[in-house]
Amino acid sequence: MSGTGSRQRADAGVRTEGDFGWHLGVLLAAYHGSVSPLLGELPHTTRGYQILSAVVHGDQPTQAALAAHLSIDRTVMTYLIDDLAKAGLVERQLNPADRRARKIVVTELGARTLADLEDRVREAEETLLAGLDEERRATFRDLLRHVACGIRRIEPVDACTAAEHLLPG
């Protein structure tokens, strides 16, 4: 068989080339469907998880820097942080380097919550990627991170908004 976009695996009749956007959409929808229920009562589910993870694993000196890092509008970020703070997961503290700015820091409850959620999310990811051996999973993750970071430098957009139309109703 020849021709771009027309190759199929003979054993399963599955297209191995073709609509890149469709492939990404299927993966995103499966990820969302697998991970969202695991996030339970976490405010703002996936966005809340991304924020909590960035607070714990990143070093964003201000709330504005955190918003820029995650490509979330600063006004929206204020409401998201408010809800995470009300849940006792993060708090705003004065930034010692700039007392006019606030740094978002994780609370003890937030750190425990994130550790538990990371374990659950990792299990869901492993299930989604079960069709790949361990080496290919690592390669896939590395390539995905490389492409995403490259795109973000070129065209920073709110990833949640950009992908929203791909998620099930």
Protein backbone atom coordinates (compact mmCIF):
# COMPACT_ATOMS: atom_id res chain seq x y z
CA MET A 1 0.00 0.00 0.00
CA SER A 2 1.28 3.47 -0.75
CA GLY A 3 0.17 7.06 -0.37
CA THR A 4 0.27 9.40 2.58
CA GLY A 5 -2.71 9.08 4.86
CA SER A 6 -3.87 5.81 3.36
CA ARG A 7 -1.65 3.28 5.12
CA GLN A 8 -3.40 0.93 7.49
CA ARG A 9 -2.26 -1.78 9.83
CA ALA A 10 -3.45 -4.92 8.14
CA ASP A 11 -4.13 -6.68 11.44
CA ALA A 12 -6.49 -4.05 12.86
CA GLY A 13 -7.59 -1.88 9.97
CA VAL A 14 -6.39 1.19 11.87
CA ARG A 15 -5.03 4.24 10.06
CA THR A 16 -1.44 4.92 11.07
CA GLU A 17 -1.22 8.21 9.20
CA GLY A 18 -3.74 10.87 8.44
CA ASP A 19 -5.56 13.56 10.32
CA PHE A 20 -3.15 14.79 12.98
CA GLY A 21 -5.86 16.91 14.60
CA TRP A 22 -8.21 13.94 14.89
CA HIS A 23 -5.48 11.89 16.59
CA LEU A 24 -4.81 14.67 19.07
CA GLY A 25 -8.54 15.16 19.68
CA VAL A 26 -9.06 11.47 20.44
CA LEU A 27 -6.12 11.48 22.85
CA LEU A 28 -7.26 14.71 24.54
CA ALA A 29 -10.84 13.48 24.93
CA ALA A 30 -9.63 10.15 26.35
CA TYR A 31 -7.28 11.97 28.72
CA HIS A 32 -10.02 14.33 29.87
CA GLY A 33 -12.48 11.46 30.30
CA SER A 34 -9.97 9.44 32.31
CA VAL A 35 -8.47 12.19 34.44
CA SER A 36 -11.36 14.55 35.24
CA PRO A 37 -13.24 12.04 37.40
CA LEU A 38 -10.04 11.38 39.38
CA LEU A 39 -9.75 15.03 40.35
CA GLY A 40 -12.92 14.80 42.43
CA GLU A 41 -13.64 17.90 44.44
CA LEU A 42 -10.56 19.80 43.32
CA PRO A 43 -11.68 23.30 42.34
CA HIS A 44 -11.68 23.73 38.56
CA THR A 45 -10.60 20.10 38.00
CA THR A 46 -7.94 20.01 35.27
CA ARG A 47 -7.06 23.70 35.52
CA GLY A 48 -6.89 23.44 39.29
CA TYR A 49 -4.58 20.44 38.95
CA GLN A 50 -2.32 22.29 36.50
CA ILE A 51 -2.13 25.30 38.81
CA LEU A 52 -1.43 23.21 41.90
CA SER A 53 1.25 21.26 40.03
CA ALA A 54 2.90 24.46 38.73
CA VAL A 55 2.90 25.94 42.25
CA VAL A 56 4.54 22.83 43.72
CA HIS A 57 6.97 21.98 40.91
CA GLY A 58 7.70 25.40 39.44
CA ASP A 59 9.21 28.55 40.78
CA GLN A 60 6.91 31.30 39.63
CA PRO A 61 7.76 34.37 41.70
CA THR A 62 4.34 36.03 41.40
CA GLN A 63 0.72 35.22 40.67
CA ALA A 64 1.11 37.08 37.37
CA ALA A 65 4.13 34.94 36.45
CA LEU A 66 2.14 31.81 37.29
CA ALA A 67 -0.68 33.01 35.01
CA ALA A 68 1.77 33.70 32.20
CA HIS A 69 3.47 30.33 32.67
CA LEU A 70 0.15 28.50 32.34
CA SER A 71 -1.21 30.84 29.64
CA ILE A 72 -4.21 31.76 31.76
CA ASP A 73 -5.61 35.28 31.69
CA ARG A 74 -4.50 37.14 34.84
CA THR A 75 -8.07 38.07 35.76
CA VAL A 76 -9.23 34.47 35.42
CA MET A 77 -6.20 33.32 37.43
CA THR A 78 -7.31 35.51 40.33
CA TYR A 79 -10.62 33.64 40.56
CA LEU A 80 -8.94 30.25 40.18
CA ILE A 81 -6.45 31.03 42.96
CA ASP A 82 -9.27 32.38 45.15
CA ASP A 83 -11.06 29.02 44.90
CA LEU A 84 -7.90 26.98 45.53
CA ALA A 85 -7.17 29.19 48.56
CA LYS A 86 -10.74 28.75 49.88
CA ALA A 87 -10.20 24.98 49.62
CA GLY A 88 -7.04 25.37 51.75
CA LEU A 89 -4.70 24.14 48.99
CA VAL A 90 -2.70 27.33 48.35
CA GLU A 91 -2.18 30.72 49.92
CA ARG A 92 -0.95 34.08 48.78
CA GLN A 93 2.16 35.38 50.50
CA LEU A 94 4.14 38.56 50.09
CA ASN A 95 6.99 38.09 47.70
CA PRO A 96 10.18 38.98 49.59
CA ALA A 97 11.77 40.18 46.34
CA ASP A 98 8.84 42.50 45.53
CA ARG A 99 6.51 43.34 48.42
CA ARG A 100 3.90 44.70 45.97
CA ALA A 101 3.51 41.24 44.46
CA ARG A 102 2.03 38.04 45.82
CA LYS A 103 3.60 34.61 45.47
CA ILE A 104 1.32 31.58 45.45
CA VAL A 105 2.56 28.84 47.78
CA VAL A 106 1.17 25.42 48.47
CA THR A 107 -0.20 24.51 51.88
CA GLU A 108 0.47 21.21 53.62
CA LEU A 109 -2.99 20.05 52.54
CA GLY A 110 -2.27 21.17 48.98
CA ALA A 111 1.00 19.22 48.87
CA ARG A 112 -0.68 16.04 50.15
CA THR A 113 -3.57 16.50 47.75
CA LEU A 114 -1.29 16.97 44.77
CA ALA A 115 0.83 13.92 45.67
CA ASP A 116 -2.31 11.78 45.78
CA LEU A 117 -3.67 13.24 42.54
CA GLU A 118 -0.35 12.81 40.73
CA ASP A 119 -0.40 9.09 41.55
CA ARG A 120 -3.94 8.77 40.21
CA VAL A 121 -3.24 10.81 37.07
CA ARG A 122 -0.06 8.84 36.37
CA GLU A 123 -2.05 5.58 36.54
CA ALA A 124 -4.63 6.98 34.12
CA GLU A 125 -1.87 8.10 31.76
CA GLU A 126 -0.27 4.66 31.89
CA THR A 127 -3.62 3.11 30.98
CA LEU A 128 -4.04 5.53 28.07
CA LEU A 129 -0.56 4.73 26.81
CA ALA A 130 -0.80 0.98 27.44
CA GLY A 131 -0.40 0.33 23.71
CA LEU A 132 3.20 1.56 23.95
CA ASP A 133 6.05 -0.21 25.67
CA GLU A 134 7.85 1.63 28.49
CA GLU A 135 10.56 3.06 26.23
CA ARG A 136 8.04 4.38 23.70
CA ARG A 137 5.93 5.91 26.49
CA ALA A 138 8.99 7.82 27.72
CA THR A 139 9.82 8.89 24.18
CA PHE A 140 6.23 9.97 23.53
CA ARG A 141 6.17 12.07 26.71
CA ASP A 142 9.53 13.67 25.86
CA LEU A 143 8.44 14.50 22.31
CA LEU A 144 5.09 15.87 23.48
CA ARG A 145 6.81 18.09 26.06
CA HIS A 146 9.30 19.30 23.45
CA VAL A 147 6.60 20.19 20.90
CA ALA A 148 4.32 21.83 23.49
CA CYS A 149 7.11 23.96 24.93
CA GLY A 150 8.23 24.96 21.45
CA ILE A 151 4.73 26.01 20.47
CA ARG A 152 4.19 27.91 23.69
CA ARG A 153 7.25 30.04 23.00
CA ILE A 154 5.94 30.83 19.53
CA GLU A 155 2.24 31.28 20.19
CA PRO A 156 1.23 31.48 23.86
CA VAL A 157 -2.45 30.67 24.14
CA ASP A 158 -4.66 29.44 26.91
CA ALA A 159 -4.43 25.69 26.27
CA CYS A 160 -7.72 25.03 28.06
CA THR A 161 -9.61 27.45 25.82
CA ALA A 162 -7.85 26.29 22.67
CA ALA A 163 -8.76 22.66 23.34
CA GLU A 164 -12.21 23.22 24.83
CA HIS A 165 -14.04 22.43 21.58
CA LEU A 166 -12.37 19.01 21.50
CA LEU A 167 -13.73 17.89 24.86
CA PRO A 168 -16.98 16.01 25.22
CA GLY A 169 -19.99 18.15 26.25
